[in-house]
Amino acid sequence: MSDFYDKIKPRLHRRIGRELRAAHRVLDLGCGSCDLVRYLAEAYHQDVTGVDLTGHSFPARRRTREGDHYHCLKRDAAKLGFAQDMSADAVVMVWSLHEMEKPKAVLQEAYRVLRPGGELLVVDFPRDSLAQQLWNEDYYRPPEVAALLRGAAFELVRVRLIEEGQLMWARGYRPPARSVSAA
């Protein structure tokens, strides 16, 4: 049963790529071995940076066949000091929100680095999923993820279950900059 996730991984990467295809600068928080980072750089020629606490399984080569660079950094996702305010078009977190020690701080940092109109995409296992049966980890319910995103100031938050209810697909946006009119 655990091979279910290995089977859906390529399809999930394609789906994420289609969702984030308009983004030029993408940040992947909790990137693990940088698989998604590499995929987005290769398939969409995006400028992608992956961040993970472990960093032990990062690829040695960080250049696509076409010569595009991607970055994998050993950092705490709750402290993205290397990233400037409003410098990313999209932030993605795959199978990692439930692993974050300080999810509120991570989401606040994601909000800080997103440009106005930028998208946050969270893909994770929901509570009572096959993943919970297999690994007995503490996962969120969709309303809990929606509340976390709204609590970090994201707007147009939408959370739904995909892949036969085995994955949660959550989106939120940093609101566009509001123009100030002269009085």
N, C-alpha and C. Protein backbone atom coordinates (compact mmCIF):
# COMPACT_ATOMS: atom_id res chain seq x y z
N MET A 1 0.81 -1.21 0.00
CA MET A 1 0.00 0.00 0.00
C MET A 1 0.85 1.28 0.00
N SER A 2 2.02 1.24 0.65
CA SER A 2 2.82 2.47 0.71
C SER A 2 3.35 2.88 -0.66
N ASP A 3 3.37 1.96 -1.63
CA ASP A 3 3.82 2.33 -2.97
C ASP A 3 2.80 3.22 -3.68
N PHE A 4 1.61 3.39 -3.09
CA PHE A 4 0.60 4.31 -3.62
C PHE A 4 1.21 5.69 -3.82
N TYR A 5 1.98 6.15 -2.84
CA TYR A 5 2.56 7.49 -2.91
C TYR A 5 3.66 7.57 -3.95
N ASP A 6 4.44 6.50 -4.09
CA ASP A 6 5.46 6.48 -5.14
C ASP A 6 4.81 6.50 -6.52
N LYS A 7 3.68 5.83 -6.64
CA LYS A 7 2.97 5.78 -7.93
C LYS A 7 2.40 7.14 -8.32
N ILE A 8 1.87 7.87 -7.34
CA ILE A 8 1.23 9.15 -7.68
C ILE A 8 2.21 10.32 -7.76
N LYS A 9 3.43 10.13 -7.30
CA LYS A 9 4.40 11.23 -7.25
C LYS A 9 4.61 11.89 -8.62
N PRO A 10 4.87 11.15 -9.70
CA PRO A 10 5.04 11.82 -11.00
C PRO A 10 3.79 12.59 -11.44
N ARG A 11 2.64 12.00 -11.21
CA ARG A 11 1.38 12.66 -11.58
C ARG A 11 1.18 13.92 -10.72
N LEU A 12 1.54 13.83 -9.46
CA LEU A 12 1.42 14.96 -8.55
C LEU A 12 2.38 16.09 -8.97
N HIS A 13 3.59 15.74 -9.35
CA HIS A 13 4.54 16.75 -9.81
C HIS A 13 4.01 17.47 -11.06
N ARG A 14 3.44 16.71 -11.98
CA ARG A 14 2.87 17.33 -13.19
C ARG A 14 1.72 18.27 -12.82
N ARG A 15 0.89 17.84 -11.90
CA ARG A 15 -0.25 18.66 -11.48
C ARG A 15 0.23 19.95 -10.81
N ILE A 16 1.23 19.84 -9.96
CA ILE A 16 1.79 21.02 -9.30
C ILE A 16 2.42 21.94 -10.35
N GLY A 17 3.13 21.35 -11.29
CA GLY A 17 3.75 22.14 -12.36
C GLY A 17 2.73 22.92 -13.16
N ARG A 18 1.61 22.28 -13.49
CA ARG A 18 0.55 22.99 -14.23
C ARG A 18 -0.03 24.12 -13.38
N GLU A 19 -0.21 23.86 -12.10
CA GLU A 19 -0.78 24.87 -11.20
C GLU A 19 0.14 26.09 -11.08
N LEU A 20 1.43 25.85 -11.02
CA LEU A 20 2.39 26.92 -10.78
C LEU A 20 3.15 27.36 -12.03
N ARG A 21 2.69 26.95 -13.20
CA ARG A 21 3.43 27.18 -14.45
C ARG A 21 3.70 28.65 -14.76
N ALA A 22 2.86 29.56 -14.29
CA ALA A 22 3.05 30.99 -14.58
C ALA A 22 4.07 31.64 -13.63
N ALA A 23 4.45 30.93 -12.59
CA ALA A 23 5.39 31.49 -11.61
C ALA A 23 6.82 31.38 -12.14
N HIS A 24 7.57 32.44 -12.00
CA HIS A 24 8.99 32.38 -12.41
C HIS A 24 9.86 31.93 -11.23
N ARG A 25 9.68 32.58 -10.09
CA ARG A 25 10.47 32.26 -8.90
C ARG A 25 9.60 31.46 -7.93
N VAL A 26 10.03 30.23 -7.64
CA VAL A 26 9.27 29.31 -6.78
C VAL A 26 10.14 28.89 -5.61
N LEU A 27 9.54 28.83 -4.45
CA LEU A 27 10.20 28.36 -3.24
C LEU A 27 9.49 27.10 -2.76
N ASP A 28 10.23 26.01 -2.56
CA ASP A 28 9.68 24.74 -2.09
C ASP A 28 10.14 24.52 -0.66
N LEU A 29 9.21 24.64 0.29
CA LEU A 29 9.53 24.51 1.71
C LEU A 29 9.31 23.07 2.16
N GLY A 30 10.34 22.47 2.74
CA GLY A 30 10.28 21.07 3.11
C GLY A 30 10.50 20.19 1.89
N CYS A 31 11.50 20.55 1.09
CA CYS A 31 11.69 19.95 -0.24
C CYS A 31 12.24 18.54 -0.23
N GLY A 32 12.67 18.03 0.92
CA GLY A 32 13.22 16.67 0.96
C GLY A 32 14.44 16.55 0.06
N SER A 33 14.39 15.64 -0.89
CA SER A 33 15.54 15.39 -1.77
C SER A 33 15.55 16.29 -3.01
N CYS A 34 14.73 17.31 -3.03
CA CYS A 34 14.68 18.29 -4.12
C CYS A 34 14.12 17.73 -5.43
N ASP A 35 13.35 16.66 -5.37
CA ASP A 35 12.76 16.08 -6.58
C ASP A 35 11.84 17.06 -7.30
N LEU A 36 10.93 17.68 -6.55
CA LEU A 36 10.01 18.64 -7.16
C LEU A 36 10.77 19.87 -7.66
N VAL A 37 11.77 20.31 -6.91
CA VAL A 37 12.59 21.46 -7.32
C VAL A 37 13.20 21.19 -8.69
N ARG A 38 13.81 20.03 -8.82
CA ARG A 38 14.45 19.64 -10.08
C ARG A 38 13.42 19.53 -11.20
N TYR A 39 12.27 18.93 -10.91
CA TYR A 39 11.22 18.77 -11.93
C TYR A 39 10.75 20.14 -12.44
N LEU A 40 10.45 21.07 -11.54
CA LEU A 40 9.97 22.39 -11.97
C LEU A 40 11.03 23.15 -12.76
N ALA A 41 12.29 23.02 -12.35
CA ALA A 41 13.37 23.69 -13.09
C ALA A 41 13.52 23.09 -14.49
N GLU A 42 13.42 21.77 -14.59
CA GLU A 42 13.58 21.11 -15.89
C GLU A 42 12.36 21.30 -16.79
N ALA A 43 11.19 21.05 -16.26
CA ALA A 43 9.97 21.07 -17.09
C ALA A 43 9.48 22.47 -17.41
N TYR A 44 9.66 23.42 -16.49
CA TYR A 44 9.09 24.76 -16.67
C TYR A 44 10.14 25.86 -16.69
N HIS A 45 11.40 25.50 -16.56
CA HIS A 45 12.51 26.47 -16.57
C HIS A 45 12.31 27.56 -15.53
N GLN A 46 11.78 27.15 -14.38
CA GLN A 46 11.55 28.10 -13.30
C GLN A 46 12.81 28.23 -12.45
N ASP A 47 12.93 29.34 -11.80
CA ASP A 47 13.99 29.59 -10.83
C ASP A 47 13.47 29.05 -9.50
N VAL A 48 13.92 27.87 -9.11
CA VAL A 48 13.34 27.17 -7.95
C VAL A 48 14.39 26.99 -6.87
N THR A 49 13.99 27.29 -5.65
CA THR A 49 14.84 27.06 -4.49
C THR A 49 14.10 26.15 -3.53
N GLY A 50 14.75 25.07 -3.14
CA GLY A 50 14.19 24.15 -2.15
C GLY A 50 14.86 24.38 -0.81
N VAL A 51 14.07 24.26 0.24
CA VAL A 51 14.56 24.46 1.60
C VAL A 51 14.14 23.25 2.43
N ASP A 52 15.10 22.68 3.15
CA ASP A 52 14.79 21.56 4.03
C ASP A 52 15.80 21.56 5.18
N LEU A 53 15.35 21.12 6.34
CA LEU A 53 16.23 21.08 7.50
C LEU A 53 17.33 20.03 7.37
N THR A 54 17.02 18.92 6.71
CA THR A 54 17.97 17.82 6.68
C THR A 54 19.09 18.06 5.68
N GLY A 55 18.76 18.21 4.43
CA GLY A 55 19.77 18.49 3.43
C GLY A 55 20.68 17.33 3.09
N HIS A 56 20.53 16.19 3.73
CA HIS A 56 21.45 15.07 3.48
C HIS A 56 21.19 14.35 2.16
N SER A 57 20.02 14.52 1.57
CA SER A 57 19.73 13.82 0.32
C SER A 57 19.63 14.77 -0.88
N PHE A 58 20.16 15.97 -0.76
CA PHE A 58 20.16 16.91 -1.88
C PHE A 58 21.04 16.37 -3.01
N PRO A 59 20.65 16.63 -4.25
CA PRO A 59 21.49 16.19 -5.36
C PRO A 59 22.79 16.99 -5.42
N ALA A 60 23.87 16.34 -5.85
CA ALA A 60 25.15 17.04 -5.97
C ALA A 60 25.12 17.99 -7.16
N ARG A 61 24.49 17.56 -8.25
CA ARG A 61 24.40 18.37 -9.47
C ARG A 61 23.13 19.21 -9.41
N ARG A 62 23.25 20.49 -9.56
CA ARG A 62 22.08 21.37 -9.45
C ARG A 62 21.92 22.23 -10.68
N ARG A 63 21.92 21.56 -11.81
CA ARG A 63 21.74 22.23 -13.09
C ARG A 63 20.94 21.28 -13.98
N THR A 64 19.95 21.81 -14.68
CA THR A 64 19.16 20.97 -15.58
C THR A 64 19.95 20.69 -16.85
N ARG A 65 19.44 19.79 -17.67
CA ARG A 65 20.09 19.47 -18.94
C ARG A 65 20.23 20.70 -19.83
N GLU A 66 19.28 21.62 -19.73
CA GLU A 66 19.32 22.85 -20.53
C GLU A 66 20.19 23.93 -19.90
N GLY A 67 20.77 23.63 -18.74
CA GLY A 67 21.66 24.60 -18.10
C GLY A 67 21.01 25.47 -17.05
N ASP A 68 19.69 25.29 -16.81
CA ASP A 68 19.03 26.07 -15.77
C ASP A 68 19.51 25.62 -14.39
N HIS A 69 19.70 26.56 -13.51
CA HIS A 69 20.14 26.24 -12.15
C HIS A 69 18.93 26.10 -11.23
N TYR A 70 19.08 25.27 -10.23
CA TYR A 70 18.12 25.23 -9.13
C TYR A 70 18.92 25.12 -7.85
N HIS A 71 18.32 25.49 -6.75
CA HIS A 71 19.03 25.58 -5.48
C HIS A 71 18.35 24.71 -4.44
N CYS A 72 19.14 24.06 -3.62
CA CYS A 72 18.65 23.27 -2.50
C CYS A 72 19.44 23.73 -1.28
N LEU A 73 18.75 24.30 -0.31
CA LEU A 73 19.40 24.89 0.85
C LEU A 73 18.98 24.20 2.13
N LYS A 74 19.95 23.95 2.99
CA LYS A 74 19.66 23.41 4.32
C LYS A 74 19.33 24.60 5.22
N ARG A 75 18.05 24.79 5.47
CA ARG A 75 17.58 25.93 6.26
C ARG A 75 16.30 25.55 6.99
N ASP A 76 15.96 26.36 7.96
CA ASP A 76 14.70 26.25 8.69
C ASP A 76 13.66 27.06 7.93
N ALA A 77 12.56 26.44 7.53
CA ALA A 77 11.52 27.11 6.75
C ALA A 77 10.84 28.22 7.55
N ALA A 78 11.00 28.23 8.86
CA ALA A 78 10.42 29.29 9.68
C ALA A 78 11.31 30.52 9.74
N LYS A 79 12.53 30.41 9.16
CA LYS A 79 13.49 31.53 9.18
C LYS A 79 14.15 31.61 7.81
N LEU A 80 13.51 32.29 6.89
CA LEU A 80 13.99 32.39 5.51
C LEU A 80 14.76 33.69 5.29
N GLY A 81 15.74 33.93 6.14
CA GLY A 81 16.50 35.17 6.08
C GLY A 81 17.16 35.42 4.74
N PHE A 82 17.43 34.39 3.97
CA PHE A 82 18.07 34.55 2.66
C PHE A 82 17.11 35.13 1.62
N ALA A 83 15.82 35.03 1.86
CA ALA A 83 14.81 35.46 0.88
C ALA A 83 14.29 36.86 1.22
N GLN A 84 14.29 37.71 0.21
CA GLN A 84 13.79 39.07 0.40
C GLN A 84 12.26 39.08 0.46
N ASP A 85 11.71 40.10 1.07
CA ASP A 85 10.27 40.31 1.08
C ASP A 85 9.75 40.34 -0.35
N MET A 86 8.63 39.72 -0.58
CA MET A 86 7.93 39.75 -1.86
C MET A 86 8.82 39.35 -3.04
N SER A 87 9.68 38.35 -2.84
CA SER A 87 10.61 37.94 -3.89
C SER A 87 10.19 36.67 -4.63
N ALA A 88 9.16 35.97 -4.18
CA ALA A 88 8.74 34.72 -4.81
C ALA A 88 7.36 34.87 -5.45
N ASP A 89 7.20 34.23 -6.59
CA ASP A 89 5.89 34.22 -7.25
C ASP A 89 4.99 33.14 -6.67
N ALA A 90 5.60 32.06 -6.17
CA ALA A 90 4.83 30.96 -5.60
C ALA A 90 5.66 30.26 -4.54
N VAL A 91 4.96 29.72 -3.55
CA VAL A 91 5.57 28.89 -2.52
C VAL A 91 4.79 27.59 -2.50
N VAL A 92 5.51 26.47 -2.47
CA VAL A 92 4.86 25.17 -2.45
C VAL A 92 5.40 24.37 -1.28
N MET A 93 4.53 23.59 -0.68
CA MET A 93 4.90 22.69 0.41
C MET A 93 4.23 21.35 0.12
N VAL A 94 5.03 20.32 -0.10
CA VAL A 94 4.47 19.01 -0.43
C VAL A 94 4.86 18.01 0.65
N TRP A 95 3.86 17.43 1.26
CA TRP A 95 4.03 16.40 2.29
C TRP A 95 4.90 16.90 3.44
N SER A 96 4.79 18.20 3.75
CA SER A 96 5.70 18.74 4.77
C SER A 96 5.02 19.57 5.85
N LEU A 97 3.84 20.11 5.61
CA LEU A 97 3.22 20.99 6.62
C LEU A 97 3.09 20.26 7.95
N HIS A 98 2.67 19.01 7.91
CA HIS A 98 2.48 18.26 9.16
C HIS A 98 3.81 18.01 9.88
N GLU A 99 4.92 18.14 9.18
CA GLU A 99 6.25 17.92 9.76
C GLU A 99 6.82 19.19 10.41
N MET A 100 6.25 20.34 10.09
CA MET A 100 6.80 21.60 10.56
C MET A 100 6.57 21.78 12.05
N GLU A 101 7.66 22.10 12.77
CA GLU A 101 7.57 22.33 14.20
C GLU A 101 6.75 23.58 14.53
N LYS A 102 6.90 24.60 13.68
CA LYS A 102 6.21 25.87 13.88
C LYS A 102 5.44 26.22 12.61
N PRO A 103 4.33 25.54 12.34
CA PRO A 103 3.62 25.77 11.08
C PRO A 103 3.16 27.21 10.89
N LYS A 104 2.75 27.88 11.96
CA LYS A 104 2.32 29.28 11.83
C LYS A 104 3.48 30.16 11.37
N ALA A 105 4.65 29.97 11.97
CA ALA A 105 5.83 30.76 11.60
C ALA A 105 6.22 30.47 10.15
N VAL A 106 6.13 29.22 9.72
CA VAL A 106 6.47 28.86 8.34
C VAL A 106 5.52 29.54 7.37
N LEU A 107 4.23 29.50 7.68
CA LEU A 107 3.24 30.14 6.80
C LEU A 107 3.40 31.66 6.78
N GLN A 108 3.76 32.24 7.91
CA GLN A 108 4.00 33.69 7.94
C GLN A 108 5.22 34.05 7.09
N GLU A 109 6.25 33.22 7.13
CA GLU A 109 7.43 33.46 6.28
C GLU A 109 7.07 33.28 4.81
N ALA A 110 6.25 32.28 4.50
CA ALA A 110 5.80 32.09 3.12
C ALA A 110 5.05 33.33 2.64
N TYR A 111 4.19 33.86 3.48
CA TYR A 111 3.45 35.08 3.13
C TYR A 111 4.41 36.25 2.90
N ARG A 112 5.39 36.38 3.77
CA ARG A 112 6.35 37.49 3.67
C ARG A 112 7.10 37.46 2.34
N VAL A 113 7.53 36.28 1.92
CA VAL A 113 8.36 36.21 0.71
C VAL A 113 7.54 36.22 -0.58
N LEU A 114 6.23 35.99 -0.49
CA LEU A 114 5.40 36.01 -1.69
C LEU A 114 5.14 37.43 -2.16
N ARG A 115 5.18 37.62 -3.45
CA ARG A 115 4.83 38.92 -4.03
C ARG A 115 3.31 39.09 -3.93
N PRO A 116 2.80 40.30 -3.97
CA PRO A 116 1.35 40.49 -3.99
C PRO A 116 0.74 39.74 -5.18
N GLY A 117 -0.29 38.97 -4.92
CA GLY A 117 -0.91 38.13 -5.94
C GLY A 117 -0.28 36.76 -6.04
N GLY A 118 0.80 36.50 -5.28
CA GLY A 118 1.49 35.21 -5.32
C GLY A 118 0.68 34.12 -4.64
N GLU A 119 0.97 32.88 -5.03
CA GLU A 119 0.19 31.72 -4.57
C GLU A 119 1.00 30.82 -3.64
N LEU A 120 0.34 30.36 -2.60
CA LEU A 120 0.84 29.30 -1.74
C LEU A 120 0.07 28.04 -2.07
N LEU A 121 0.78 26.94 -2.30
CA LEU A 121 0.16 25.65 -2.56
C LEU A 121 0.69 24.66 -1.54
N VAL A 122 -0.21 24.07 -0.78
CA VAL A 122 0.14 23.07 0.23
C VAL A 122 -0.51 21.76 -0.18
N VAL A 123 0.31 20.73 -0.32
CA VAL A 123 -0.18 19.38 -0.62
C VAL A 123 0.29 18.51 0.54
N ASP A 124 -0.64 17.91 1.24
CA ASP A 124 -0.25 17.10 2.40
C ASP A 124 -1.26 15.98 2.59
N PHE A 125 -0.93 15.10 3.49
CA PHE A 125 -1.83 14.00 3.83
C PHE A 125 -2.88 14.51 4.81
N PRO A 126 -4.14 14.15 4.63
CA PRO A 126 -5.15 14.54 5.61
C PRO A 126 -5.25 13.52 6.74
N ARG A 127 -5.79 13.97 7.83
CA ARG A 127 -6.05 13.06 8.94
C ARG A 127 -6.98 11.94 8.44
N ASP A 128 -6.79 10.76 8.96
CA ASP A 128 -7.57 9.56 8.63
C ASP A 128 -7.28 9.03 7.22
N SER A 129 -6.15 9.40 6.65
CA SER A 129 -5.77 8.90 5.33
C SER A 129 -4.97 7.61 5.48
N LEU A 130 -4.68 7.01 4.35
CA LEU A 130 -3.82 5.83 4.31
C LEU A 130 -2.47 6.15 4.94
N ALA A 131 -1.96 7.33 4.70
CA ALA A 131 -0.66 7.74 5.27
C ALA A 131 -0.69 7.66 6.79
N GLN A 132 -1.79 8.08 7.39
CA GLN A 132 -1.87 8.02 8.85
C GLN A 132 -1.87 6.58 9.33
N GLN A 133 -2.54 5.71 8.61
CA GLN A 133 -2.53 4.29 8.97
C GLN A 133 -1.13 3.71 8.84
N LEU A 134 -0.41 4.10 7.80
CA LEU A 134 0.92 3.56 7.54
C LEU A 134 1.98 4.09 8.50
N TRP A 135 1.96 5.41 8.73
CA TRP A 135 3.06 6.04 9.46
C TRP A 135 2.66 6.61 10.82
N ASN A 136 1.38 6.58 11.15
CA ASN A 136 0.89 7.04 12.44
C ASN A 136 1.44 8.42 12.83
N GLU A 137 1.42 9.34 11.86
CA GLU A 137 1.83 10.71 12.15
C GLU A 137 0.57 11.56 12.35
N ASP A 138 0.77 12.74 12.88
CA ASP A 138 -0.35 13.63 13.19
C ASP A 138 -0.58 14.57 12.00
N TYR A 139 -1.66 14.33 11.28
CA TYR A 139 -1.98 15.14 10.10
C TYR A 139 -3.14 16.07 10.41
N TYR A 140 -3.26 17.12 9.60
CA TYR A 140 -4.33 18.10 9.78
C TYR A 140 -5.58 17.67 9.01
N ARG A 141 -6.70 18.20 9.47
CA ARG A 141 -7.95 18.09 8.71
C ARG A 141 -8.04 19.31 7.79
N PRO A 142 -8.77 19.21 6.68
CA PRO A 142 -8.88 20.36 5.77
C PRO A 142 -9.29 21.68 6.44
N PRO A 143 -10.28 21.68 7.35
CA PRO A 143 -10.63 22.96 7.99
C PRO A 143 -9.48 23.54 8.83
N GLU A 144 -8.66 22.67 9.40
CA GLU A 144 -7.51 23.14 10.19
C GLU A 144 -6.48 23.82 9.28
N VAL A 145 -6.23 23.25 8.11
CA VAL A 145 -5.29 23.86 7.17
C VAL A 145 -5.84 25.20 6.67
N ALA A 146 -7.13 25.23 6.37
CA ALA A 146 -7.75 26.49 5.93
C ALA A 146 -7.59 27.56 7.01
N ALA A 147 -7.80 27.21 8.26
CA ALA A 147 -7.66 28.17 9.36
C ALA A 147 -6.21 28.63 9.50
N LEU A 148 -5.25 27.72 9.34
CA LEU A 148 -3.84 28.10 9.41
C LEU A 148 -3.49 29.10 8.31
N LEU A 149 -3.96 28.84 7.10
CA LEU A 149 -3.67 29.74 5.98
C LEU A 149 -4.31 31.11 6.20
N ARG A 150 -5.56 31.11 6.60
CA ARG A 150 -6.23 32.39 6.87
C ARG A 150 -5.56 33.14 8.01
N GLY A 151 -5.12 32.40 9.03
CA GLY A 151 -4.43 33.00 10.17
C GLY A 151 -3.11 33.65 9.78
N ALA A 152 -2.51 33.20 8.68
CA ALA A 152 -1.26 33.80 8.18
C ALA A 152 -1.55 34.88 7.15
N ALA A 153 -2.80 35.30 7.02
CA ALA A 153 -3.26 36.40 6.16
C ALA A 153 -3.48 36.03 4.70
N PHE A 154 -3.44 34.73 4.37
CA PHE A 154 -3.73 34.34 2.98
C PHE A 154 -5.21 34.53 2.70
N GLU A 155 -5.51 34.89 1.46
CA GLU A 155 -6.89 35.10 1.03
C GLU A 155 -7.26 34.09 -0.05
N LEU A 156 -8.53 34.04 -0.38
CA LEU A 156 -9.05 33.10 -1.38
C LEU A 156 -8.59 31.67 -1.09
N VAL A 157 -8.63 31.31 0.18
CA VAL A 157 -8.17 30.00 0.63
C VAL A 157 -9.18 28.94 0.18
N ARG A 158 -8.63 27.89 -0.41
CA ARG A 158 -9.47 26.76 -0.83
C ARG A 158 -8.73 25.47 -0.51
N VAL A 159 -9.39 24.57 0.19
CA VAL A 159 -8.79 23.28 0.57
C VAL A 159 -9.74 22.18 0.13
N ARG A 160 -9.18 21.20 -0.59
CA ARG A 160 -10.00 20.07 -1.01
C ARG A 160 -9.18 18.80 -0.99
N LEU A 161 -9.87 17.69 -0.99
CA LEU A 161 -9.20 16.40 -1.03
C LEU A 161 -9.10 15.93 -2.47
N ILE A 162 -7.95 15.33 -2.81
CA ILE A 162 -7.74 14.78 -4.15
C ILE A 162 -7.20 13.36 -4.00
N GLU A 163 -6.98 12.69 -5.13
CA GLU A 163 -6.43 11.33 -5.14
C GLU A 163 -7.21 10.42 -4.20
N GLU A 164 -8.50 10.32 -4.48
CA GLU A 164 -9.40 9.44 -3.72
C GLU A 164 -9.40 9.76 -2.23
N GLY A 165 -9.24 11.06 -1.91
CA GLY A 165 -9.27 11.50 -0.52
C GLY A 165 -7.98 11.27 0.24
N GLN A 166 -6.91 10.85 -0.45
CA GLN A 166 -5.66 10.52 0.22
C GLN A 166 -4.69 11.70 0.32
N LEU A 167 -4.98 12.78 -0.41
CA LEU A 167 -4.15 13.98 -0.35
C LEU A 167 -5.01 15.22 -0.20
N MET A 168 -4.46 16.21 0.46
CA MET A 168 -5.13 17.49 0.63
C MET A 168 -4.42 18.51 -0.28
N TRP A 169 -5.21 19.26 -1.03
CA TRP A 169 -4.70 20.28 -1.96
C TRP A 169 -5.23 21.61 -1.45
N ALA A 170 -4.33 22.44 -0.90
CA ALA A 170 -4.75 23.71 -0.29
C ALA A 170 -4.06 24.86 -0.99
N ARG A 171 -4.84 25.88 -1.33
CA ARG A 171 -4.31 27.06 -2.00
C ARG A 171 -4.70 28.32 -1.24
N GLY A 172 -3.81 29.28 -1.28
CA GLY A 172 -4.09 30.59 -0.71
C GLY A 172 -3.24 31.60 -1.44
N TYR A 173 -3.65 32.85 -1.42
CA TYR A 173 -2.97 33.91 -2.16
C TYR A 173 -2.64 35.08 -1.24
N ARG A 174 -1.51 35.69 -1.51
CA ARG A 174 -1.22 36.97 -0.87
C ARG A 174 -2.01 38.00 -1.66
N PRO A 175 -2.82 38.81 -1.00
CA PRO A 175 -3.65 39.75 -1.73
C PRO A 175 -2.82 40.71 -2.58
N PRO A 176 -3.35 41.12 -3.72
CA PRO A 176 -2.65 42.11 -4.57
C PRO A 176 -2.46 43.40 -3.79
N ALA A 177 -1.42 44.13 -4.15
CA ALA A 177 -1.17 45.42 -3.52
C ALA A 177 -2.35 46.34 -3.81
N ARG A 178 -2.76 47.02 -2.80
CA ARG A 178 -3.88 47.95 -2.97
C ARG A 178 -3.32 49.32 -3.32
N SER A 179 -3.89 49.90 -4.33
CA SER A 179 -3.42 51.25 -4.72
C SER A 179 -4.00 52.28 -3.77
N VAL A 180 -3.20 53.27 -3.50
CA VAL A 180 -3.62 54.37 -2.62
C VAL A 180 -3.91 55.56 -3.50
N SER A 181 -5.13 56.02 -3.45
CA SER A 181 -5.49 57.16 -4.29
C SER A 181 -5.25 58.46 -3.52
N ALA A 182 -4.86 59.47 -4.26
CA ALA A 182 -4.61 60.78 -3.65
C ALA A 182 -5.95 61.44 -3.33
N ALA A 183 -6.00 62.07 -2.19
CA ALA A 183 -7.24 62.70 -1.77
C ALA A 183 -7.37 64.11 -2.31
